[in-house]
C-alpha cells in the first residue's frame, strides 16, 4: 500500500514543507488560509479534504512560507500573495511538471491561486476558491486591521493577541457546527511580519481575472466581514466560467471536500 510522502522544497532562504497523498487523475493541490497550515486545517475539523483522497485522487497539500512546518524570514514583502503565487508555481514544477493541476485555495490561498493562474494559466485545469477574502475596495479596511494586529504582536506578543481575541465568538456557521476558533500556526518570531505582508497585498486586477479561462467553483460562506459574500459575487461576474455555490449551513461546510471533488471530476 502506498503511503503519504512528506517533502520539502528549497526556495532560497525559505523551505516549503508539503505532503503528497498518492492517487490517480489530475493532481489536486490545496493552499490554506492566513495563519493556518495543514495541521491547523486538520485540527479545525471544518476544513476536511478527506473526500478527495478517499476517492483515489492524488492530493498535494503544503504549508505556505512562514506557516506550519515551512520556514520564513522576517521580511513582510515575502508574504504578499504574488510572492506566495511564485512559491506555488515552484511547487507545481516539482509535483506535476508536465500536467496542469486542479487547485483549491482557502482565503489567502484564493489570492495565491489567482495570482498564480494569471502568471501561468497553462499550469491549471480547474479551480475551487473557498471563502474568498476582502479585495479591491474592501481590502483597505482589512489591511488596517492586519497592521493593528502586527502592532499588538510587536509590542505585547502572541499571548496578548490570543487573550484579546478569546472573547470573540466564532462565526455563526462554525458555532452552529460545534467548531471553535483555531490558533495561529506561525512562528512567533515572524508572525508580525506575516501580518504586515498580508496587509500590503490584493487580488490581481479585475481585468486580469476576467481573462481566466479555467472553470472555477466559488464556495463563500456567510456572515463574515473578513470574507464578504460580495467578493465572490464580483468574482462570479468577472470570471467567464464560474459557479457560485454559497455555504450557509454547517452541513454545507461538511460537504466542502466532496463538492470540490465533484467539480474536479
Protein backbone atom coordinates (compact mmCIF):
# COMPACT_ATOMS: atom_id res chain seq x y z
CA UNK A 1 0.00 0.00 0.00
CA UNK A 2 1.26 3.46 -0.88
CA UNK A 3 1.72 5.97 1.91
CA UNK A 4 1.66 9.74 2.09
CA UNK A 5 5.06 11.17 1.22
CA UNK A 6 6.49 14.17 3.07
CA UNK A 7 8.59 16.51 1.00
CA UNK A 8 10.42 19.82 1.21
CA UNK A 9 11.34 22.39 -1.39
CA UNK A 10 14.24 24.83 -1.02
CA UNK A 11 13.20 28.24 -2.31
CA UNK A 12 16.35 30.12 -1.39
CA UNK A 13 16.10 31.28 2.20
CA UNK A 14 12.78 29.52 2.71
CA UNK A 15 11.92 25.84 2.82
CA UNK A 16 8.41 24.81 1.79
CA UNK A 17 7.01 21.71 3.53
CA UNK A 18 4.43 19.61 1.70
CA UNK A 19 2.72 16.23 1.71
CA UNK A 20 1.82 14.10 -1.29
CA UNK A 21 -1.11 11.67 -0.98
CA UNK A 22 -0.79 9.12 -3.80
CA UNK A 23 -3.64 8.72 -6.25
CA UNK A 24 -4.72 9.00 -9.85
CA UNK A 25 -6.21 11.62 -12.14
CA UNK A 26 -5.00 15.21 -12.43
CA UNK A 27 -3.11 16.22 -9.30
CA UNK A 28 -5.14 18.26 -6.79
CA UNK A 29 -3.19 20.94 -4.91
CA UNK A 30 -4.52 22.72 -1.81
CA UNK A 31 -3.46 26.14 -0.45
CA UNK A 32 -4.57 27.10 3.09
CA UNK A 33 -5.52 30.44 4.61
CA UNK A 34 -3.59 33.06 6.59
CA UNK A 35 -2.36 31.76 9.97
CA UNK A 36 -3.47 28.22 9.09
CA UNK A 37 -1.37 25.24 7.96
CA UNK A 38 -2.01 21.63 7.04
CA UNK A 39 -2.02 20.71 10.73
CA UNK A 40 -4.29 23.64 11.64
CA UNK A 41 -6.78 22.70 8.92
CA UNK A 42 -6.88 19.15 10.22
CA UNK A 43 -7.29 20.33 13.82
CA UNK A 44 -10.07 22.77 12.92
CA UNK A 45 -12.40 19.95 11.88
CA UNK A 46 -14.30 22.11 9.42
CA UNK A 47 -11.83 22.13 6.52
CA UNK A 48 -11.90 18.42 5.69
CA UNK A 49 -10.36 17.27 2.41
CA UNK A 50 -10.56 13.53 3.13
CA UNK A 51 -13.25 13.02 0.46
CA UNK A 52 -10.63 13.84 -2.18
CA UNK A 53 -8.13 11.21 -1.09
CA UNK A 54 -10.86 8.67 -0.24
CA UNK A 55 -11.94 8.82 -3.90
CA UNK A 56 -8.42 7.92 -5.01
CA UNK A 57 -7.34 11.34 -6.30
CA UNK A 58 -3.76 12.44 -5.79
CA UNK A 59 -3.69 15.36 -3.32
CA UNK A 60 -0.75 17.63 -2.55
CA UNK A 61 -1.06 20.00 0.42
CA UNK A 62 1.63 22.38 1.58
CA UNK A 63 2.34 24.92 4.30
CA UNK A 64 2.78 28.43 2.90
CA UNK A 65 6.05 30.13 3.70
CA UNK A 66 6.19 31.17 7.35
CA UNK A 67 3.31 28.85 8.27
CA UNK A 68 3.28 25.43 9.89
CA UNK A 69 6.38 23.41 9.06
CA UNK A 70 7.57 25.79 6.32
CA UNK A 71 10.20 28.34 7.23
CA UNK A 72 10.11 32.08 6.67
CA UNK A 73 12.13 35.22 7.14
CA UNK A 74 11.21 38.48 8.94
CA UNK A 75 10.50 40.21 5.64
CA UNK A 76 6.86 41.33 5.19
CA UNK A 77 7.06 41.58 1.38
CA UNK A 78 7.72 37.84 1.19
CA UNK A 79 4.18 37.11 2.43
CA UNK A 80 2.33 39.11 -0.23
CA UNK A 81 0.13 36.99 -2.50
CA UNK A 82 2.20 37.42 -5.69
CA UNK A 83 5.24 36.01 -3.83
CA UNK A 84 3.15 33.14 -2.46
CA UNK A 85 1.99 32.50 -6.03
CA UNK A 86 5.61 32.10 -7.11
CA UNK A 87 6.05 29.54 -4.33
CA UNK A 88 3.01 27.60 -5.56
CA UNK A 89 4.27 27.60 -9.14
CA UNK A 90 7.68 26.35 -7.97
CA UNK A 91 5.95 23.52 -6.12
CA UNK A 92 3.94 22.59 -9.22
CA UNK A 93 7.18 22.29 -11.18
CA UNK A 94 8.18 19.58 -8.71
CA UNK A 95 4.93 17.67 -8.10
CA UNK A 96 3.30 17.96 -11.53
CA UNK A 97 5.85 19.28 -14.01
CA UNK A 98 4.16 18.03 -17.17
CA UNK A 99 0.42 18.31 -16.48
CA UNK A 100 -1.89 21.08 -15.27
CA UNK A 101 -3.38 20.65 -11.81
CA UNK A 102 -6.73 21.18 -10.14
CA UNK A 103 -6.20 23.69 -7.31
CA UNK A 104 -8.27 24.77 -4.33
CA UNK A 105 -7.45 27.65 -2.04
CA UNK A 106 -8.89 28.98 1.21
CA UNK A 107 -8.86 32.75 1.87
CA UNK A 108 -5.17 33.66 1.47
CA UNK A 109 -4.95 30.56 -0.71
CA UNK A 110 -7.50 32.18 -3.05
CA UNK A 111 -5.23 35.18 -3.51
CA UNK A 112 -2.28 32.86 -4.06
CA UNK A 113 -4.07 30.82 -6.72
CA UNK A 114 -5.48 33.84 -8.56
CA UNK A 115 -2.03 35.40 -8.91
CA UNK A 116 -0.56 32.05 -9.94
CA UNK A 117 -3.14 31.36 -12.65
CA UNK A 118 -2.76 34.89 -14.04
CA UNK A 119 1.00 34.36 -14.26
CA UNK A 120 0.90 30.79 -15.59
CA UNK A 121 -2.56 29.77 -16.85
CA UNK A 122 -1.10 26.67 -18.50
CA UNK A 123 -0.38 25.16 -15.06
CA UNK A 124 -4.05 24.89 -14.02
CA UNK A 125 -7.04 22.84 -15.19
CA UNK A 126 -9.84 23.71 -12.72
CA UNK A 127 -10.02 25.96 -9.65
CA UNK A 128 -12.03 26.00 -6.41
CA UNK A 129 -11.94 29.25 -4.44
CA UNK A 130 -13.10 28.80 -0.83
CA UNK A 131 -14.16 31.81 1.28
CA UNK A 132 -12.52 34.48 -0.93
CA UNK A 133 -11.31 37.32 1.33
CA UNK A 134 -11.64 41.08 1.08
CA UNK A 135 -10.36 42.53 -2.18
CA UNK A 136 -10.12 45.79 -4.07
CA UNK A 137 -12.34 48.41 -2.35
CA UNK A 138 -12.85 46.32 0.78
CA UNK A 139 -9.17 45.49 1.19
CA UNK A 140 -8.09 48.78 2.79
CA UNK A 141 -10.08 48.25 6.00
CA UNK A 142 -8.79 44.69 6.32
CA UNK A 143 -5.24 45.91 5.72
CA UNK A 144 -5.63 48.35 8.60
CA UNK A 145 -6.79 45.51 10.83
CA UNK A 146 -3.73 43.44 9.98
CA UNK A 147 -1.49 46.43 10.70
CA UNK A 148 -3.13 46.81 14.12
CA UNK A 149 -2.63 43.11 14.80
CA UNK A 150 1.03 43.38 13.83
CA UNK A 151 1.44 46.32 16.20
CA UNK A 152 -0.06 44.34 19.11
CA UNK A 153 2.19 41.41 18.29
CA UNK A 154 5.33 43.54 18.20
CA UNK A 155 4.51 45.30 21.47
CA UNK A 156 2.93 42.53 23.54
CA UNK A 157 3.45 39.17 21.81
CA UNK A 158 1.16 36.37 20.69
CA UNK A 159 -0.24 35.72 24.16
CA UNK A 160 -1.71 39.22 24.30
CA UNK A 161 -3.32 38.80 20.87
CA UNK A 162 -4.81 35.44 21.86
CA UNK A 163 -6.19 36.97 25.05
CA UNK A 164 -7.73 39.87 23.14
CA UNK A 165 -9.44 37.58 20.64
CA UNK A 166 -10.54 34.86 23.08
CA UNK A 167 -13.82 36.62 23.86
CA UNK A 168 -14.79 36.99 20.19
CA UNK A 169 -17.41 34.34 19.37
CA UNK A 170 -16.84 32.02 16.41
CA UNK A 171 -18.57 32.76 13.13
CA UNK A 172 -22.22 31.67 13.14
CA UNK A 173 -21.64 28.81 10.68
CA UNK A 174 -18.80 27.47 12.83
CA UNK A 175 -20.61 27.94 16.13
CA UNK A 176 -23.68 26.15 14.76
CA UNK A 177 -21.49 23.25 13.69
CA UNK A 178 -19.80 22.96 17.06
CA UNK A 179 -16.43 24.24 15.83
CA UNK A 180 -14.26 26.74 17.65
CA UNK A 181 -11.51 29.09 16.55
CA UNK A 182 -8.08 27.82 15.51
CA UNK A 183 -4.92 29.43 16.95
CA UNK A 184 -2.31 30.72 14.50
CA UNK A 185 0.28 28.21 13.30
CA UNK A 186 3.05 30.71 12.64
CA UNK A 187 6.36 31.02 14.43
CA UNK A 188 6.14 33.83 16.98
CA UNK A 189 9.36 35.43 15.70
CA UNK A 190 7.83 36.23 12.30
CA UNK A 191 4.07 36.40 12.86
CA UNK A 192 4.04 40.23 12.84
CA UNK A 193 5.90 40.21 9.52
CA UNK A 194 3.41 37.75 8.05
CA UNK A 195 0.53 40.00 9.11
CA UNK A 196 2.21 43.06 7.60
CA UNK A 197 2.69 41.15 4.36
CA UNK A 198 -1.00 40.31 4.34
CA UNK A 199 -1.83 43.97 4.92
CA UNK A 200 0.01 45.06 1.78
CA UNK A 201 -1.44 42.76 -0.87
CA UNK A 202 -4.53 42.36 -3.03
CA UNK A 203 -6.08 40.29 -5.82
CA UNK A 204 -4.93 40.76 -9.40
CA UNK A 205 -6.81 43.47 -11.30
CA UNK A 206 -10.38 42.84 -12.37
CA UNK A 207 -9.21 42.89 -15.98
CA UNK A 208 -6.66 40.15 -15.31
CA UNK A 209 -9.24 38.00 -13.54
CA UNK A 210 -11.70 38.41 -16.41
CA UNK A 211 -9.15 36.68 -18.67
CA UNK A 212 -9.04 33.49 -16.57
CA UNK A 213 -10.49 30.73 -18.74
CA UNK A 214 -10.46 27.81 -16.29
CA UNK A 215 -13.75 26.55 -14.82
CA UNK A 216 -13.99 28.00 -11.29
CA UNK A 217 -16.07 26.91 -8.30
CA UNK A 218 -16.70 29.70 -5.78
CA UNK A 219 -17.57 28.49 -2.25
CA UNK A 220 -18.03 31.51 0.05
CA UNK A 221 -19.75 31.38 3.40
CA UNK A 222 -21.97 34.00 5.03
CA UNK A 223 -21.81 36.50 7.91
CA UNK A 224 -18.03 37.01 7.80
CA UNK A 225 -16.78 40.58 7.15
CA UNK A 226 -13.25 39.27 6.52
CA UNK A 227 -14.61 37.03 3.73
CA UNK A 228 -17.56 39.01 2.39
CA UNK A 229 -20.01 37.42 0.02
CA UNK A 230 -19.59 40.49 -2.20
CA UNK A 231 -16.07 39.37 -3.15
CA UNK A 232 -17.37 36.07 -4.52
CA UNK A 233 -20.22 37.80 -6.29
CA UNK A 234 -17.77 40.10 -8.05
CA UNK A 235 -15.54 37.17 -8.98
CA UNK A 236 -18.59 35.34 -10.34
CA UNK A 237 -19.40 38.33 -12.56
CA UNK A 238 -15.80 38.66 -13.77
CA UNK A 239 -14.87 35.03 -14.40
CA UNK A 240 -16.06 33.71 -17.77
CA UNK A 241 -16.74 30.17 -16.47
CA UNK A 242 -17.70 30.13 -12.79
CA UNK A 243 -20.23 28.57 -10.42
CA UNK A 244 -21.25 30.39 -7.23
CA UNK A 245 -22.18 27.87 -4.53
CA UNK A 246 -22.77 29.56 -1.16
CA UNK A 247 -22.17 27.72 2.13
CA UNK A 248 -24.92 28.73 4.55
CA UNK A 249 -25.07 25.80 7.00
CA UNK A 250 -22.64 23.50 8.82
CA UNK A 251 -23.83 20.72 6.51
CA UNK A 252 -22.70 22.76 3.51
CA UNK A 253 -19.27 23.12 5.10
CA UNK A 254 -19.06 19.43 5.96
CA UNK A 255 -19.68 18.68 2.29
CA UNK A 256 -16.97 21.04 1.03
CA UNK A 257 -14.41 18.37 0.15
CA UNK A 258 -16.98 16.24 -1.67
CA UNK A 259 -18.30 19.27 -3.57
CA UNK A 260 -14.81 20.19 -4.74
CA UNK A 261 -14.15 16.59 -5.75
CA UNK A 262 -17.30 16.56 -7.90
CA UNK A 263 -16.29 19.83 -9.55
CA UNK A 264 -12.81 18.46 -10.27
CA UNK A 265 -14.12 15.22 -11.78
